Protein backbone atom coordinates (compact mmCIF):
# COMPACT_ATOMS: atom_id res chain seq x y z
CA UNK A 1 -60.27 -29.12 85.47
CA UNK A 2 -56.55 -29.39 86.21
CA UNK A 3 -53.89 -31.46 84.44
CA UNK A 4 -50.68 -32.78 85.91
CA UNK A 5 -47.58 -33.39 83.80
CA UNK A 6 -45.61 -36.58 84.64
CA UNK A 7 -41.99 -36.55 83.37
CA UNK A 8 -39.31 -39.31 83.70
CA UNK A 9 -36.57 -41.29 81.89
CA UNK A 10 -37.28 -44.00 79.36
CA UNK A 11 -35.39 -47.30 79.48
CA UNK A 12 -33.31 -46.29 76.43
CA UNK A 13 -32.36 -43.00 78.05
CA UNK A 14 -31.31 -44.84 81.21
CA UNK A 15 -29.17 -47.29 79.22
CA UNK A 16 -27.53 -44.52 77.18
CA UNK A 17 -26.84 -42.49 80.30
CA UNK A 18 -25.38 -45.50 82.07
CA UNK A 19 -23.16 -46.25 79.08
CA UNK A 20 -21.89 -42.67 78.99
CA UNK A 21 -21.17 -42.75 82.71
CA UNK A 22 -19.35 -46.07 82.30
CA UNK A 23 -17.23 -44.69 79.45
CA UNK A 24 -16.35 -41.62 81.51
CA UNK A 25 -15.54 -43.77 84.55
CA UNK A 26 -13.37 -46.16 82.51
CA UNK A 27 -11.49 -43.18 81.06
CA UNK A 28 -10.93 -41.67 84.50
CA UNK A 29 -9.86 -45.06 85.90
CA UNK A 30 -7.48 -45.61 82.94
CA UNK A 31 -5.94 -42.19 83.42
CA UNK A 32 -5.61 -42.84 87.15
CA UNK A 33 -4.02 -46.25 86.50
CA UNK A 34 -1.60 -44.75 83.93
CA UNK A 35 -0.68 -42.02 86.39
CA UNK A 36 0.00 -44.58 89.11
CA UNK A 37 2.12 -46.60 86.69
CA UNK A 38 4.16 -43.54 85.71
CA UNK A 39 4.64 -42.64 89.37
CA UNK A 40 5.70 -46.21 90.15
CA UNK A 41 8.09 -46.33 87.20
CA UNK A 42 9.56 -42.95 88.05
CA UNK A 43 10.01 -43.95 91.68
CA UNK A 44 11.71 -47.26 90.81
CA UNK A 45 13.83 -45.65 88.11
CA UNK A 46 15.02 -42.97 90.53
CA UNK A 47 15.94 -45.65 93.07
CA UNK A 48 17.70 -47.74 90.41
CA UNK A 49 19.66 -44.71 89.24
CA UNK A 50 20.81 -44.07 92.77
CA UNK A 51 21.87 -47.71 93.18
CA UNK A 52 23.80 -47.66 89.88
CA UNK A 53 25.52 -44.39 90.74
CA UNK A 54 26.43 -45.71 94.17
CA UNK A 55 27.87 -48.87 92.61
CA UNK A 56 29.87 -46.93 90.02
CA UNK A 57 31.18 -44.56 92.66
CA UNK A 58 32.39 -47.57 94.64
CA UNK A 59 34.15 -48.93 91.56
CA UNK A 60 35.81 -45.58 90.80
CA UNK A 61 37.33 -45.59 94.28
CA UNK A 62 38.83 -49.09 93.94
CA UNK A 63 42.49 -49.59 93.00
CA UNK A 64 42.82 -50.11 89.25
CA UNK A 65 43.93 -53.73 89.56
CA UNK A 66 40.90 -54.49 91.80
CA UNK A 67 38.37 -53.36 89.18
CA UNK A 68 37.12 -56.63 87.74
CA UNK A 69 34.82 -59.58 88.31
CA UNK A 70 35.99 -62.15 90.82
CA UNK A 71 37.24 -65.16 88.87
CA UNK A 72 36.76 -63.40 85.52
CA UNK A 73 38.88 -61.37 83.16
CA UNK A 74 39.82 -58.83 84.23
CA UNK A 75 39.94 -60.39 87.67
CA UNK A 76 38.93 -58.25 90.62
CA UNK A 77 36.90 -57.93 93.79
CA UNK A 78 33.45 -57.30 92.28
CA UNK A 79 30.58 -59.79 92.15
CA UNK A 80 28.85 -60.30 88.82
CA UNK A 81 25.33 -60.43 90.28
CA UNK A 82 24.01 -58.96 93.54
CA UNK A 83 20.64 -57.70 94.77
CA UNK A 84 19.18 -55.25 97.26
CA UNK A 85 15.72 -54.30 98.54
CA UNK A 86 14.58 -50.69 98.54
CA UNK A 87 11.04 -49.47 99.26
CA UNK A 88 9.79 -53.07 99.38
CA UNK A 89 11.09 -53.70 95.85
CA UNK A 90 13.94 -56.04 94.98
CA UNK A 91 16.56 -54.63 92.62
CA UNK A 92 18.89 -57.07 90.84
CA UNK A 93 22.32 -55.62 90.03
CA UNK A 94 24.50 -57.03 87.25
CA UNK A 95 28.09 -55.83 87.02
CA UNK A 96 30.23 -56.28 83.93
CA UNK A 97 33.85 -55.15 83.46
CA UNK A 98 35.76 -55.33 80.16
CA UNK A 99 39.08 -54.09 78.95
CA UNK A 100 38.81 -51.42 76.26
CA UNK A 101 41.23 -51.43 73.39
CA UNK A 102 41.50 -47.86 72.17
CA UNK A 103 42.73 -47.49 68.59
CA UNK A 104 44.17 -44.06 69.34
CA UNK A 105 47.39 -45.63 70.67
CA UNK A 106 47.91 -48.02 67.76
CA UNK A 107 46.30 -51.20 68.98
CA UNK A 108 46.32 -52.56 65.44
CA UNK A 109 50.08 -52.64 65.41
CA UNK A 110 51.74 -55.82 66.68
CA UNK A 111 54.39 -53.82 68.50
CA UNK A 112 51.84 -52.33 70.90
CA UNK A 113 52.94 -54.06 74.10
CA UNK A 114 50.08 -52.60 76.22
CA UNK A 115 46.89 -53.21 74.21
CA UNK A 116 44.52 -53.06 77.20
CA UNK A 117 44.21 -49.27 77.47
CA UNK A 118 41.53 -48.93 80.18
CA UNK A 119 38.55 -50.68 81.75
CA UNK A 120 34.85 -50.12 81.20
CA UNK A 121 32.38 -50.93 83.96
CA UNK A 122 28.70 -51.39 83.18
CA UNK A 123 26.03 -51.58 85.88
CA UNK A 124 22.57 -52.88 84.96
CA UNK A 125 19.84 -52.55 87.58
CA UNK A 126 16.56 -54.41 86.95
CA UNK A 127 13.37 -54.71 88.97
CA UNK A 128 10.22 -56.76 88.48
CA UNK A 129 6.64 -56.42 89.62
CA UNK A 130 3.74 -54.41 88.25
CA UNK A 131 6.02 -51.53 87.29
CA UNK A 132 9.08 -53.55 86.25
CA UNK A 133 11.96 -52.20 84.20
CA UNK A 134 15.72 -51.82 84.00
CA UNK A 135 18.46 -49.28 83.32
CA UNK A 136 22.18 -49.37 82.58
CA UNK A 137 25.02 -46.98 83.36
CA UNK A 138 28.62 -47.10 82.15
CA UNK A 139 31.86 -45.61 83.41
CA UNK A 140 35.43 -45.81 82.10
CA UNK A 141 38.12 -46.62 84.65
CA UNK A 142 41.46 -45.22 83.47
CA UNK A 143 44.86 -46.34 84.84
CA UNK A 144 46.88 -43.67 86.61
CA UNK A 145 49.97 -44.19 84.51
CA UNK A 146 51.67 -46.42 81.91
CA UNK A 147 52.86 -48.71 84.69
CA UNK A 148 49.28 -49.65 85.63
CA UNK A 149 48.27 -49.97 82.00
CA UNK A 150 51.16 -52.26 81.10
CA UNK A 151 50.82 -54.32 84.26
CA UNK A 152 48.00 -56.22 82.55
CA UNK A 153 49.12 -59.19 80.47
CA UNK A 154 47.20 -60.65 77.52
CA UNK A 155 46.44 -59.95 73.89
CA UNK A 156 43.64 -58.73 71.66
CA UNK A 157 41.25 -60.81 69.58
CA UNK A 158 39.61 -58.88 66.76
CA UNK A 159 36.36 -60.46 65.44
CA UNK A 160 34.52 -59.16 62.38
CA UNK A 161 31.21 -60.56 61.06
CA UNK A 162 30.10 -60.11 57.44
CA UNK A 163 27.10 -61.23 55.37
CA UNK A 164 27.25 -63.26 52.16
CA UNK A 165 28.03 -60.14 50.16
CA UNK A 166 30.82 -58.83 52.39
CA UNK A 167 28.73 -56.25 54.28
CA UNK A 168 29.19 -56.05 58.06
CA UNK A 169 26.34 -57.65 60.02
CA UNK A 170 24.42 -55.44 62.43
CA UNK A 171 24.52 -56.65 66.06
CA UNK A 172 25.63 -60.28 65.74
CA UNK A 173 26.15 -62.23 68.94
CA UNK A 174 29.88 -62.97 69.30
CA UNK A 175 30.68 -65.45 72.06
CA UNK A 176 34.20 -66.25 73.24
CA UNK A 177 34.21 -69.69 74.88
CA UNK A 178 36.55 -72.01 76.70
CA UNK A 179 37.14 -74.76 74.09
CA UNK A 180 37.35 -77.45 76.81
CA UNK A 181 34.38 -76.66 79.04
CA UNK A 182 32.34 -74.77 76.46
CA UNK A 183 31.61 -72.04 78.99
CA UNK A 184 31.17 -68.48 77.72
CA UNK A 185 34.07 -66.29 78.87
CA UNK A 186 32.82 -63.06 77.35
CA UNK A 187 30.48 -61.91 74.61
CA UNK A 188 29.43 -58.86 72.64
CA UNK A 189 26.75 -57.77 70.14
CA UNK A 190 28.44 -54.89 68.32
CA UNK A 191 26.22 -52.69 66.16
CA UNK A 192 29.15 -52.24 63.79
CA UNK A 193 29.56 -56.01 63.32
CA UNK A 194 33.11 -56.02 64.73
CA UNK A 195 34.57 -56.15 68.22
CA UNK A 196 37.96 -56.16 69.96
CA UNK A 197 38.27 -58.58 72.90
CA UNK A 198 41.10 -58.19 75.40
CA UNK A 199 41.91 -61.70 76.66
CA UNK A 200 44.60 -63.60 78.58
CA UNK A 201 46.99 -65.60 76.44
CA UNK A 202 45.19 -68.87 75.68
CA UNK A 203 43.22 -70.79 73.01
CA UNK A 204 39.59 -69.84 72.52
CA UNK A 205 36.50 -70.93 70.61
CA UNK A 206 34.53 -68.25 68.78
CA UNK A 207 30.81 -68.77 68.11
CA UNK A 208 28.86 -66.35 65.88
CA UNK A 209 25.06 -66.32 65.82
CA UNK A 210 22.02 -64.15 65.25
CA UNK A 211 18.31 -64.98 65.28
CA UNK A 212 17.19 -66.08 61.81
CA UNK A 213 20.79 -66.29 60.54
CA UNK A 214 23.26 -69.07 59.91
CA UNK A 215 25.80 -69.98 62.59
CA UNK A 216 29.59 -70.01 62.42
CA UNK A 217 32.29 -71.07 64.84
CA UNK A 218 35.88 -72.19 65.14
CA UNK A 219 36.92 -75.79 65.87
CA UNK A 220 39.81 -77.60 67.50
CA UNK A 221 41.58 -80.72 66.27
CA UNK A 222 39.98 -83.83 67.77
CA UNK A 223 36.52 -82.29 68.15
CA UNK A 224 33.51 -84.30 66.94
CA UNK A 225 31.08 -82.92 64.38
CA UNK A 226 27.96 -84.91 63.46
CA UNK A 227 29.70 -88.18 64.23
CA UNK A 228 32.99 -87.28 62.50
CA UNK A 229 36.29 -86.43 64.20
CA UNK A 230 37.85 -83.23 62.91
CA UNK A 231 41.59 -83.70 62.47
CA UNK A 232 42.31 -80.55 60.47
CA UNK A 233 39.80 -77.74 61.14
CA UNK A 234 38.91 -75.40 58.29
CA UNK A 235 38.65 -72.50 60.77
CA UNK A 236 40.77 -73.44 63.83
CA UNK A 237 40.35 -72.05 67.33
CA UNK A 238 42.47 -68.87 67.62
CA UNK A 239 45.43 -68.60 69.98
CA UNK A 240 45.72 -65.23 71.74
CA UNK A 241 49.34 -64.21 72.34
CA UNK A 242 50.41 -61.63 74.90
CA UNK A 243 50.75 -58.17 73.45
CA UNK A 244 49.63 -59.29 69.99
CA UNK A 245 46.55 -58.73 67.85
CA UNK A 246 44.78 -61.83 66.43
CA UNK A 247 42.17 -61.16 63.73
CA UNK A 248 39.30 -63.47 62.78
CA UNK A 249 36.44 -62.86 60.35
CA UNK A 250 33.22 -64.81 59.76
CA UNK A 251 30.31 -64.80 57.31
CA UNK A 252 26.71 -65.42 58.32
CA UNK A 253 23.46 -64.50 56.59
CA UNK A 254 19.72 -65.07 56.69
CA UNK A 255 18.56 -68.68 56.52
CA UNK A 256 16.70 -70.08 53.53
CA UNK A 257 14.40 -72.97 52.64
CA UNK A 258 14.39 -75.81 50.10
CA UNK A 259 11.03 -77.10 48.84
CA UNK A 260 11.89 -80.56 47.52
CA UNK A 261 9.64 -82.73 45.35
CA UNK A 262 10.42 -86.32 44.35
CA UNK A 263 8.77 -87.30 41.07
CA UNK A 264 8.60 -90.06 38.52
CA UNK A 265 9.39 -88.64 35.05
CA UNK A 266 6.25 -90.34 33.74
CA UNK A 267 2.62 -90.60 34.77
CA UNK A 268 -0.68 -92.07 33.63
CA UNK A 269 -3.92 -90.61 32.29
CA UNK A 270 -7.10 -91.99 30.85
CA UNK A 271 -10.22 -91.43 28.81
CA UNK A 272 -13.22 -92.73 30.71
CA UNK A 273 -16.95 -92.69 29.95
CA UNK A 274 -19.61 -94.18 32.18
CA UNK A 275 -22.34 -92.73 29.94
CA UNK A 276 -23.91 -90.30 32.36
CA UNK A 277 -24.62 -88.35 29.17
CA UNK A 278 -23.60 -88.40 25.50
CA UNK A 279 -20.97 -85.63 25.70
CA UNK A 280 -18.09 -88.03 24.97
CA UNK A 281 -19.78 -89.80 22.04
CA UNK A 282 -19.12 -88.71 18.46
CA UNK A 283 -21.50 -91.08 16.69
CA UNK A 284 -24.34 -93.39 17.71
CA UNK A 285 -26.78 -95.43 15.61
CA UNK A 286 -29.85 -97.47 16.66
CA UNK A 287 -28.61 -97.15 20.26
CA UNK A 288 -29.44 -94.82 23.12
CA UNK A 289 -27.65 -93.53 26.24
CA UNK A 290 -29.98 -94.41 29.11
CA UNK A 291 -29.47 -94.78 32.88
CA UNK A 292 -25.64 -94.80 32.69
CA UNK A 293 -25.43 -97.42 29.96
CA UNK A 294 -25.75 -97.80 26.21
CA UNK A 295 -28.46 -100.11 24.92
CA UNK A 296 -30.64 -100.65 21.84
CA UNK A 297 -33.50 -98.27 21.13
CA UNK A 298 -36.73 -100.04 22.08
CA UNK A 299 -38.50 -101.54 20.38
CA UNK A 300 -35.48 -102.93 18.53
CA UNK A 301 -36.10 -102.33 14.84
CA UNK A 302 -32.80 -103.62 13.49
CA UNK A 303 -30.42 -106.26 14.89
CA UNK A 304 -27.36 -104.01 14.67
CA UNK A 305 -26.13 -100.70 16.05
CA UNK A 306 -22.90 -98.95 16.85
CA UNK A 307 -21.43 -96.24 19.05
CA UNK A 308 -18.13 -94.37 18.61
CA UNK A 309 -16.36 -92.32 21.25
CA UNK A 310 -15.13 -88.77 20.87
CA UNK A 311 -11.52 -88.41 19.75
CA UNK A 312 -9.03 -89.36 22.44
CA UNK A 313 -6.14 -86.88 22.20
CA UNK A 314 -3.66 -87.33 25.09
CA UNK A 315 -1.40 -84.58 26.38
CA UNK A 316 2.29 -85.50 26.58
CA UNK A 317 1.74 -89.04 25.32
CA UNK A 318 4.57 -91.49 26.05
CA UNK A 319 2.83 -94.78 25.20
CA UNK A 320 -0.66 -96.21 24.89
CA UNK A 321 -1.59 -98.69 27.61
CA UNK A 322 -4.98 -100.48 27.63
CA UNK A 323 -8.55 -100.36 26.35
CA UNK A 324 -11.01 -101.83 28.84
CA UNK A 325 -14.80 -102.06 29.12
CA UNK A 326 -17.66 -103.45 31.19
CA UNK A 327 -20.67 -104.89 29.38
CA UNK A 328 -23.50 -107.41 29.55
CA UNK A 329 -24.15 -109.82 26.68
CA UNK A 330 -27.26 -112.00 27.13
CA UNK A 331 -27.73 -115.09 24.92
CA UNK A 332 -28.06 -114.31 21.21
CA UNK A 333 -26.44 -110.89 21.71
CA UNK A 334 -22.91 -109.65 21.18
CA UNK A 335 -20.73 -106.52 21.33
CA UNK A 336 -17.50 -106.29 19.33
CA UNK A 337 -14.95 -103.58 20.09
CA UNK A 338 -12.63 -101.82 17.64
CA UNK A 339 -9.93 -99.15 17.71
CA UNK A 340 -9.90 -96.35 15.12
CA UNK A 341 -7.26 -93.83 14.07
CA UNK A 342 -7.30 -90.72 11.90
CA UNK A 343 -5.92 -91.41 8.44
CA UNK A 344 -6.27 -89.25 5.29
CA UNK A 345 -9.09 -87.13 6.68
CA UNK A 346 -11.07 -90.12 7.93
CA UNK A 347 -11.37 -92.27 11.01
CA UNK A 348 -10.59 -95.85 10.08
CA UNK A 349 -9.72 -99.14 11.76
CA UNK A 350 -6.19 -99.58 13.01
CA UNK A 351 -4.85 -102.29 10.66
CA UNK A 352 -4.44 -105.81 11.99
CA UNK A 353 -0.72 -105.57 11.22
CA UNK A 354 -0.45 -103.17 14.19
CA UNK A 355 -3.37 -104.47 16.30
CA UNK A 356 -4.12 -108.10 15.51
CA UNK A 357 -7.84 -108.94 15.50
CA UNK A 358 -9.04 -105.35 15.26
CA UNK A 359 -10.88 -105.91 11.99
CA UNK A 360 -13.00 -108.76 13.46
CA UNK A 361 -13.39 -106.98 16.81
CA UNK A 362 -12.55 -107.85 20.41
CA UNK A 363 -14.56 -109.54 23.14
CA UNK A 364 -12.10 -109.85 26.04
CA UNK A 365 -11.26 -106.86 28.26
CA UNK A 366 -8.71 -105.37 28.73
CA UNK A 367 -7.08 -104.96 25.32
CA UNK A 368 -3.34 -104.23 25.25
CA UNK A 369 -2.57 -101.09 23.19
CA UNK A 370 1.10 -100.75 24.18
CA UNK A 371 2.26 -101.96 20.76
CA UNK A 372 0.78 -98.95 18.97
CA UNK A 373 3.39 -96.43 17.81
CA UNK A 374 2.53 -93.06 19.36
CA UNK A 375 3.91 -91.20 16.33
CA UNK A 376 1.60 -93.12 13.94
CA UNK A 377 -1.30 -93.13 16.37
CA UNK A 378 -1.21 -89.85 18.32
CA UNK A 379 -4.99 -89.97 18.77
CA UNK A 380 -7.62 -92.74 18.78
CA UNK A 381 -11.31 -93.44 18.89
CA UNK A 382 -12.99 -96.56 20.24
CA UNK A 383 -16.04 -98.16 18.70
CA UNK A 384 -18.56 -100.80 19.78
CA UNK A 385 -20.74 -102.78 17.32
CA UNK A 386 -23.92 -104.13 18.94
CA UNK A 387 -25.73 -107.23 17.67
CA UNK A 388 -28.99 -108.82 18.84
CA UNK A 389 -30.41 -111.92 17.12
CA UNK A 390 -33.37 -111.70 19.49
CA UNK A 391 -35.05 -108.34 19.03
CA UNK A 392 -36.56 -108.59 22.48
CA UNK A 393 -33.19 -108.61 24.23
CA UNK A 394 -30.38 -105.98 24.12
CA UNK A 395 -26.74 -106.21 25.17
CA UNK A 396 -25.64 -103.36 27.42
CA UNK A 397 -22.41 -101.35 27.63
CA UNK A 398 -21.83 -99.83 31.10
CA UNK A 399 -18.51 -98.03 30.61
CA UNK A 400 -15.28 -98.03 28.63
CA UNK A 401 -11.83 -96.63 29.24
CA UNK A 402 -8.52 -96.06 27.47
CA UNK A 403 -5.34 -95.53 29.51
CA UNK A 404 -1.88 -94.31 28.52
CA UNK A 405 1.45 -93.20 29.95
CA UNK A 406 2.36 -89.51 29.87
CA UNK A 407 5.49 -87.48 30.39
CA UNK A 408 3.68 -85.53 33.13
CA UNK A 409 5.51 -86.21 36.39
CA UNK A 410 3.86 -88.18 39.19
CA UNK A 411 4.76 -87.61 42.87
CA UNK A 412 6.81 -90.38 44.49
CA UNK A 413 6.01 -90.56 48.22
CA UNK A 414 8.46 -91.39 51.02
CA UNK A 415 11.52 -91.18 48.75
CA UNK A 416 14.99 -91.03 50.39
CA UNK A 417 17.65 -88.52 49.38
CA UNK A 418 20.80 -86.89 50.72
CA UNK A 419 21.31 -83.14 50.78
CA UNK A 420 24.87 -81.84 51.20
CA UNK A 421 26.42 -78.38 50.95
CA UNK A 422 29.96 -77.50 49.86
CA UNK A 423 31.06 -75.65 53.01
CA UNK A 424 33.33 -77.79 55.18
CA UNK A 425 34.30 -77.61 58.85
CA UNK A 426 37.49 -79.61 58.30
CA UNK A 427 38.86 -82.98 57.24
CA UNK A 428 39.00 -86.34 59.02
CA UNK A 429 41.89 -88.78 59.49
CA UNK A 430 41.49 -89.99 55.90
CA UNK A 431 41.62 -86.35 54.71
CA UNK A 432 37.99 -86.58 53.63
CA UNK A 433 35.97 -83.39 53.87
CA UNK A 434 33.50 -83.06 56.73
CA UNK A 435 30.65 -81.00 55.36
CA UNK A 436 28.96 -78.37 57.46
CA UNK A 437 25.57 -79.54 56.16
CA UNK A 438 24.89 -83.13 55.12
CA UNK A 439 21.63 -84.84 55.95
CA UNK A 440 19.69 -87.95 54.92
CA UNK A 441 16.05 -87.00 54.36
CA UNK A 442 12.72 -88.41 53.13
CA UNK A 443 9.85 -86.79 51.29
CA UNK A 444 6.41 -87.20 52.86
CA UNK A 445 3.30 -89.09 51.72
CA UNK A 446 2.70 -86.44 49.04
CA UNK A 447 6.25 -86.64 47.66
CA UNK A 448 7.31 -83.32 49.20
CA UNK A 449 9.80 -82.16 51.82
CA UNK A 450 10.33 -78.69 53.26
CA UNK A 451 13.93 -78.27 54.43
CA UNK A 452 13.96 -75.05 56.46
CA UNK A 453 16.78 -73.24 58.25
CA UNK A 454 19.40 -73.87 55.56
CA UNK A 455 22.26 -71.43 55.02
CA UNK A 456 23.34 -70.08 51.66
CA UNK A 457 25.66 -72.43 49.80
CA UNK A 458 25.91 -74.71 46.77
CA UNK A 459 24.02 -77.97 47.45
CA UNK A 460 24.11 -81.41 45.88
CA UNK A 461 21.13 -83.77 45.91
CA UNK A 462 22.00 -87.48 45.87
CA UNK A 463 20.10 -90.78 45.91
CA UNK A 464 22.01 -93.79 47.19
CA UNK A 465 22.10 -96.80 44.79
CA UNK A 466 21.09 -99.04 47.69
CA UNK A 467 17.68 -97.33 47.68
CA UNK A 468 16.86 -98.93 44.33
CA UNK A 469 16.23 -95.49 42.84
CA UNK A 470 18.13 -93.57 40.19
CA UNK A 471 18.22 -89.78 40.03
CA UNK A 472 17.72 -89.20 36.30
CA UNK A 473 17.17 -85.45 36.29
CA UNK A 474 16.86 -82.46 38.59
CA UNK A 475 15.35 -79.00 38.23
CA UNK A 476 16.98 -76.52 38.44
CA UNK A 477 20.00 -78.05 36.81
CA UNK A 478 22.86 -78.69 36.68
CA UNK A 479 24.03 -79.58 40.15
CA UNK A 480 25.13 -78.20 42.55
CA UNK A 481 22.01 -76.09 43.17
CA UNK A 482 22.66 -72.56 44.36
CA UNK A 483 20.76 -71.33 47.44
CA UNK A 484 20.96 -67.60 48.17
CA UNK A 485 20.24 -66.00 51.58
CA UNK A 486 16.65 -65.36 52.67
CA UNK A 487 15.16 -67.37 49.78
CA UNK A 488 12.81 -70.26 49.10
CA UNK A 489 14.08 -72.58 46.35
CA UNK A 490 11.94 -75.32 44.77
CA UNK A 491 13.86 -78.41 43.64
CA UNK A 492 12.29 -81.25 41.63
CA UNK A 493 14.09 -84.59 41.70
CA UNK A 494 13.10 -87.08 38.98
CA UNK A 495 13.60 -90.68 40.08
CA UNK A 496 13.32 -93.99 38.26
CA UNK A 497 13.49 -97.64 39.27
CA UNK A 498 13.74 -100.92 37.43
CA UNK A 499 10.22 -101.83 38.56
CA UNK A 500 7.36 -99.62 39.74
CA UNK A 501 3.57 -99.53 40.02
CA UNK A 502 1.34 -96.54 39.38
CA UNK A 503 -2.08 -97.35 40.82
CA UNK A 504 -5.31 -95.43 40.17
CA UNK A 505 -8.46 -95.92 42.26
CA UNK A 506 -11.80 -94.99 40.67
CA UNK A 507 -15.51 -95.07 41.41
CA UNK A 508 -16.80 -98.09 39.46
CA UNK A 509 -19.95 -96.27 38.32
CA UNK A 510 -18.71 -92.76 37.51
CA UNK A 511 -15.01 -93.59 36.95
CA UNK A 512 -14.22 -90.53 39.07
CA UNK A 513 -10.96 -90.70 41.08
CA UNK A 514 -11.22 -91.76 44.72
CA UNK A 515 -9.19 -89.45 46.94
CA UNK A 516 -7.38 -90.66 50.10
CA UNK A 517 -8.06 -94.34 49.45
CA UNK A 518 -5.82 -96.63 51.52
CA UNK A 519 -3.70 -98.88 49.29
CA UNK A 520 -1.68 -101.70 50.84
CA UNK A 521 0.83 -103.49 48.60
CA UNK A 522 2.43 -106.70 49.91
CA UNK A 523 4.81 -109.38 48.75
CA UNK A 524 5.52 -112.18 51.21
CA UNK A 525 8.71 -113.41 49.54
CA UNK A 526 10.54 -110.08 49.67
CA UNK A 527 8.93 -108.85 52.89
CA UNK A 528 7.59 -105.76 51.11
CA UNK A 529 4.56 -104.34 52.93
CA UNK A 530 3.75 -100.67 52.30
CA UNK A 531 0.53 -98.69 52.73
CA UNK A 532 0.02 -95.41 50.87
CA UNK A 533 -2.91 -93.10 50.13
CA UNK A 534 -4.21 -91.86 46.79
CA UNK A 535 -3.93 -88.20 45.81
CA UNK A 536 -6.59 -85.95 44.28
CA UNK A 537 -6.19 -87.83 40.98
CA UNK A 538 -6.88 -91.11 42.77
CA UNK A 539 -3.27 -92.18 42.20
CA UNK A 540 -0.37 -93.45 44.28
CA UNK A 541 3.08 -94.56 43.13
CA UNK A 542 4.97 -97.55 44.54
CA UNK A 543 8.70 -97.58 43.88
CA UNK A 544 11.16 -99.33 43.90
CA UNK A 545 9.74 -102.82 43.53
CA UNK A 546 10.89 -106.28 42.52
CA UNK A 547 9.37 -107.93 39.46
CA UNK A 548 6.65 -110.08 41.07
CA UNK A 549 2.94 -110.54 41.65
CA UNK A 550 1.85 -108.47 44.66
CA UNK A 551 -1.17 -108.68 46.94
CA UNK A 552 -3.19 -105.48 46.75
CA UNK A 553 -5.74 -104.29 49.29
CA UNK A 554 -7.72 -101.10 48.65
CA UNK A 555 -10.13 -99.45 51.11
CA UNK A 556 -11.90 -96.13 51.34
CA UNK A 557 -14.74 -94.77 53.49
CA UNK A 558 -18.16 -95.14 51.80
CA UNK A 559 -16.77 -97.78 49.43
CA UNK A 560 -16.60 -101.55 49.50
CA UNK A 561 -12.99 -102.64 50.00
CA UNK A 562 -11.33 -104.91 47.49
CA UNK A 563 -8.47 -107.42 47.62
CA UNK A 564 -6.77 -108.27 44.34
CA UNK A 565 -3.31 -108.72 42.84
CA UNK A 566 -0.96 -106.55 40.80
CA UNK A 567 1.63 -107.97 38.44
CA UNK A 568 4.71 -105.75 38.35
CA UNK A 569 7.42 -105.88 35.72
CA UNK A 570 8.99 -102.65 34.54
CA UNK A 571 6.74 -99.60 34.77
CA UNK A 572 3.34 -101.11 35.60
CA UNK A 573 0.01 -99.30 35.59
CA UNK A 574 -3.13 -100.62 37.26
CA UNK A 575 -6.65 -99.28 37.80
CA UNK A 576 -8.81 -100.51 40.69
CA UNK A 577 -12.51 -99.66 40.73
CA UNK A 578 -14.51 -99.51 43.97
CA UNK A 579 -18.24 -99.93 44.45
CA UNK A 580 -19.81 -97.14 46.49
CA UNK A 581 -21.90 -98.26 49.46
CA UNK A 582 -25.51 -97.21 49.08
């Protein structure tokens, strides 16, 4: 009997082999592509070098007074931009000629009558395509004698650029412009931060800039700046005089950011219990917490019962506000409500002298607690006494709530303010300062505003009286607020008004805050009609307002909308409760 052996490749072996071959092929192809790119770059660079050398050789053979850009300074016979095609590739040629002021012959001295010592020609050749690139070559063109050197008229403008601490800025962009047309005459980006410009006798505008930095420039009398006419510039356009040195220095630095918050110096908080459990109850007798309400234990053995809340201890209490509740009192039943305070190691009723009717108990919600002195009553408890003359029927308490004002700030949305620095660009006809930075701004719907791209300076935050708001405090203080380079500074502005409304929207069953509820407040007589949205605490703040009764419309997804009114006089607080849609 004979056996034959059959050998072959499995599918996995085929896949692995194919993958290895693909990797090897990709590597070979990448190396080939890189080699082609290097060959292409080398070829184009060699051609560009030849073009630049040819151009420089042409310039070296020109008469000294012909070396310059046609219509420029120095004037000459050369074109600023030309192009040529070599090996099917277009090469763009940029020619730049500048005077060079060499300090070796005393250019810094006013008596130097020939400041333009020689010329410097720079040729930049660039090409595009798959293997694009560029190169630059420079050559100095020296006059034959002092006659050629001194035949050039003009002066020297020395520009130095420093940071906020007096250190020279690396590679700022210095532009010398025609103050009438605004066209750039010449520019430089010196690594040292300073540059000497040889220019014809005339008046110039200097503009200093750098990406991510503040901007500086000179101004002329009669120029407009942000709607104001400059009569006397702080830093006037320099005048270059023949054979003289004019020096100008500037300060720029990295830009910074203000994070502004507009806040009311007071807020509102509350103690709320919808009886989902008994965690906020300190004492209960003959009653039970059942199905989000408090009711008699069944069967009812006694006609009376009571429940007392846990201690209500506010943080940063400014003033007590209201005690409110929701209950159900069938015939022959009753619930009386009382307010307790801690006195001589015991919780006892607030005396009627401070809260009239407290001893007998209250039936009408809400109960005004604003007359209670916060120093005498820093904490409270609330109590409900149940009564049923028919032991088959029980009154029911669904929820209760105590509200108060706090010194914890509340965001004020859409608040106007003015931000102005102290640096000036000049004065107007009335000799009033024209500030470099002055802007009217608004915070957003959350009471915040990010002001980016601001330069270092001392800044003042103002609120116009016409806005109906008063700036009562600012943090950090005092003003002006210092902003250093490359920084982010938070500023909190505390605003007050004669009348305001702090509204809270809650779930009627759980008393939880309703986030992003739409709240529309209207008053036909004054034309006030503003819509705002509640924050994560279910609150929104309307300010400034007139003392009046406003129409209030509250809506939120998954809730039944409600239309009601809000009476505003002074600092008003209101809670609106929405029913969730099943």
